[in-house]
Amino acid sequence: MAWVFLVIAGFFEMFGVAMIHRWNQNRNWKSISFIIVGFGASFLFLAFAMESLPMGIAYAVWTGIGASGGAVIGMLIYGEPKEWRRIIFIFMILSATVGLKLVS
């Protein structure tokens, strides 16, 4: 169940990052509320996951999901460049995260 919590935390992290972009476009209470909910839920589910997963693994996976997911959201939704080099580096982040889990 800890891994499920960790993936949920990562998705809320991606949501929070996307809402920061929204905040930069439209500064209102709704935008800031979404940021607070997104990151609050992300930290809550990360804490649940860390009850049984080692901190280093949990944090690396959470960060990897958030960083790569944020980059993908930027490319798909917000029109950021979709260069092959960016995609390779996203895969490198995900590969490093999986590799860390495999050697632990």
C-alpha atoms as a PDB file:
ATOM      1  CA  MET A   1       0.000   0.000   0.000  1.00  0.00           C
ATOM      2  CA  ALA A   2       2.954   2.316   0.621  1.00  0.00           C
ATOM      3  CA  TRP A   3       3.833   2.293  -3.079  1.00  0.00           C
ATOM      4  CA  VAL A   4       0.278   3.261  -3.981  1.00  0.00           C
ATOM      5  CA  PHE A   5       0.488   6.166  -1.522  1.00  0.00           C
ATOM      6  CA  LEU A   6       3.816   7.181  -3.045  1.00  0.00           C
ATOM      7  CA  VAL A   7       2.444   7.244  -6.595  1.00  0.00           C
ATOM      8  CA  ILE A   8      -0.591   9.238  -5.414  1.00  0.00           C
ATOM      9  CA  ALA A   9       1.782  11.675  -3.692  1.00  0.00           C
ATOM     10  CA  GLY A  10       3.709  12.044  -6.939  1.00  0.00           C
ATOM     11  CA  PHE A  11       0.553  12.800  -8.903  1.00  0.00           C
ATOM     12  CA  PHE A  12      -0.483  15.443  -6.381  1.00  0.00           C
ATOM     13  CA  GLU A  13       3.019  16.901  -6.699  1.00  0.00           C
ATOM     14  CA  MET A  14       2.509  17.175 -10.466  1.00  0.00           C
ATOM     15  CA  PHE A  15      -0.873  18.812  -9.864  1.00  0.00           C
ATOM     16  CA  GLY A  16       0.699  21.321  -7.461  1.00  0.00           C
ATOM     17  CA  VAL A  17       3.382  22.258  -9.984  1.00  0.00           C
ATOM     18  CA  ALA A  18       0.743  22.737 -12.709  1.00  0.00           C
ATOM     19  CA  MET A  19      -1.222  24.960 -10.334  1.00  0.00           C
ATOM     20  CA  ILE A  20       1.848  27.131  -9.751  1.00  0.00           C
ATOM     21  CA  HIS A  21       1.826  27.758 -13.497  1.00  0.00           C
ATOM     22  CA  ARG A  22      -1.869  28.617 -13.266  1.00  0.00           C
ATOM     23  CA  TRP A  23      -1.122  31.007 -10.375  1.00  0.00           C
ATOM     24  CA  ASN A  24       1.455  32.802 -12.515  1.00  0.00           C
ATOM     25  CA  GLN A  25      -1.206  33.314 -15.200  1.00  0.00           C
ATOM     26  CA  ASN A  26      -4.160  34.175 -12.969  1.00  0.00           C
ATOM     27  CA  ARG A  27      -3.506  35.273  -9.400  1.00  0.00           C
ATOM     28  CA  ASN A  28      -6.690  34.610  -7.481  1.00  0.00           C
ATOM     29  CA  TRP A  29      -7.861  32.678  -4.429  1.00  0.00           C
ATOM     30  CA  LYS A  30      -8.919  29.669  -6.464  1.00  0.00           C
ATOM     31  CA  SER A  31      -5.423  29.238  -7.886  1.00  0.00           C
ATOM     32  CA  ILE A  32      -3.714  29.503  -4.504  1.00  0.00           C
ATOM     33  CA  SER A  33      -6.257  27.095  -3.017  1.00  0.00           C
ATOM     34  CA  PHE A  34      -5.388  24.504  -5.668  1.00  0.00           C
ATOM     35  CA  ILE A  35      -1.692  24.921  -4.874  1.00  0.00           C
ATOM     36  CA  ILE A  36      -2.301  24.382  -1.168  1.00  0.00           C
ATOM     37  CA  VAL A  37      -4.514  21.338  -1.764  1.00  0.00           C
ATOM     38  CA  GLY A  38      -2.096  19.816  -4.297  1.00  0.00           C
ATOM     39  CA  PHE A  39       1.055  20.153  -2.230  1.00  0.00           C
ATOM     40  CA  GLY A  40      -0.745  19.433   1.043  1.00  0.00           C
ATOM     41  CA  ALA A  41      -2.098  16.145  -0.303  1.00  0.00           C
ATOM     42  CA  SER A  42       1.294  15.371  -1.817  1.00  0.00           C
ATOM     43  CA  PHE A  43       3.073  15.734   1.524  1.00  0.00           C
ATOM     44  CA  LEU A  44       0.337  13.813   3.333  1.00  0.00           C
ATOM     45  CA  PHE A  45       0.570  10.813   1.010  1.00  0.00           C
ATOM     46  CA  LEU A  46       4.372  10.992   1.071  1.00  0.00           C
ATOM     47  CA  ALA A  47       4.206  10.783   4.864  1.00  0.00           C
ATOM     48  CA  PHE A  48       1.905   7.744   4.639  1.00  0.00           C
ATOM     49  CA  ALA A  49       4.328   6.068   2.225  1.00  0.00           C
ATOM     50  CA  MET A  50       7.311   6.790   4.473  1.00  0.00           C
ATOM     51  CA  GLU A  51       5.731   4.874   7.329  1.00  0.00           C
ATOM     52  CA  SER A  52       7.004   1.677   5.695  1.00  0.00           C
ATOM     53  CA  LEU A  53       9.363   2.765   2.894  1.00  0.00           C
ATOM     54  CA  PRO A  54      12.900   4.040   3.484  1.00  0.00           C
ATOM     55  CA  MET A  55      13.148   7.812   3.319  1.00  0.00           C
ATOM     56  CA  GLY A  56      15.767   7.852   0.546  1.00  0.00           C
ATOM     57  CA  ILE A  57      13.725   5.642  -1.772  1.00  0.00           C
ATOM     58  CA  ALA A  58      10.425   7.377  -1.027  1.00  0.00           C
ATOM     59  CA  TYR A  59      11.861  10.835  -1.576  1.00  0.00           C
ATOM     60  CA  ALA A  60      13.684   9.850  -4.776  1.00  0.00           C
ATOM     61  CA  VAL A  61      10.572   8.277  -6.310  1.00  0.00           C
ATOM     62  CA  TRP A  62       8.359  11.178  -5.219  1.00  0.00           C
ATOM     63  CA  THR A  63      10.788  13.726  -6.628  1.00  0.00           C
ATOM     64  CA  GLY A  64      11.218  11.738  -9.850  1.00  0.00           C
ATOM     65  CA  ILE A  65       7.474  11.537 -10.441  1.00  0.00           C
ATOM     66  CA  GLY A  66       7.033  15.232  -9.676  1.00  0.00           C
ATOM     67  CA  ALA A  67       9.960  16.444 -11.793  1.00  0.00           C
ATOM     68  CA  SER A  68       9.337  14.301 -14.839  1.00  0.00           C
ATOM     69  CA  GLY A  69       5.564  14.658 -14.573  1.00  0.00           C
ATOM     70  CA  GLY A  70       5.856  18.432 -14.319  1.00  0.00           C
ATOM     71  CA  ALA A  71       8.039  18.511 -17.429  1.00  0.00           C
ATOM     72  CA  VAL A  72       5.606  16.304 -19.354  1.00  0.00           C
ATOM     73  CA  ILE A  73       2.628  18.435 -18.280  1.00  0.00           C
ATOM     74  CA  GLY A  74       4.527  21.516 -19.439  1.00  0.00           C
ATOM     75  CA  MET A  75       5.128  19.947 -22.832  1.00  0.00           C
ATOM     76  CA  LEU A  76       1.628  18.531 -23.324  1.00  0.00           C
ATOM     77  CA  ILE A  77      -0.565  21.228 -21.823  1.00  0.00           C
ATOM     78  CA  TYR A  78       1.448  24.445 -21.735  1.00  0.00           C
ATOM     79  CA  GLY A  79       3.230  24.220 -25.067  1.00  0.00           C
ATOM     80  CA  GLU A  80       6.785  23.894 -23.809  1.00  0.00           C
ATOM     81  CA  PRO A  81       9.309  22.539 -26.352  1.00  0.00           C
ATOM     82  CA  LYS A  82       9.118  18.804 -27.043  1.00  0.00           C
ATOM     83  CA  GLU A  83      12.739  18.340 -28.038  1.00  0.00           C
ATOM     84  CA  TRP A  84      14.158  14.834 -28.108  1.00  0.00           C
ATOM     85  CA  ARG A  85      16.869  15.888 -25.623  1.00  0.00           C
ATOM     86  CA  ARG A  86      14.283  16.901 -23.034  1.00  0.00           C
ATOM     87  CA  ILE A  87      12.511  13.566 -23.456  1.00  0.00           C
ATOM     88  CA  ILE A  88      15.793  11.648 -23.042  1.00  0.00           C
ATOM     89  CA  PHE A  89      16.548  13.488 -19.808  1.00  0.00           C
ATOM     90  CA  ILE A  90      13.049  12.784 -18.484  1.00  0.00           C
ATOM     91  CA  PHE A  91      13.665   9.093 -19.146  1.00  0.00           C
ATOM     92  CA  MET A  92      17.017   9.409 -17.380  1.00  0.00           C
ATOM     93  CA  ILE A  93      15.274  10.776 -14.279  1.00  0.00           C
ATOM     94  CA  LEU A  94      12.807   7.900 -14.311  1.00  0.00           C
ATOM     95  CA  SER A  95      15.562   5.344 -14.988  1.00  0.00           C
ATOM     96  CA  ALA A  96      17.660   6.657 -12.113  1.00  0.00           C
ATOM     97  CA  THR A  97      14.674   6.444  -9.788  1.00  0.00           C
ATOM     98  CA  VAL A  98      13.934   2.849 -10.793  1.00  0.00           C
ATOM     99  CA  GLY A  99      17.635   2.006 -10.573  1.00  0.00           C
ATOM    100  CA  LEU A 100      17.834   3.357  -7.043  1.00  0.00           C
ATOM    101  CA  LYS A 101      14.936   1.126  -6.050  1.00  0.00           C
ATOM    102  CA  LEU A 102      16.526  -1.915  -7.709  1.00  0.00           C
ATOM    103  CA  VAL A 103      19.828  -1.559  -5.846  1.00  0.00           C
ATOM    104  CA  SER A 104      18.229  -0.896  -2.465  1.00  0.00           C
END
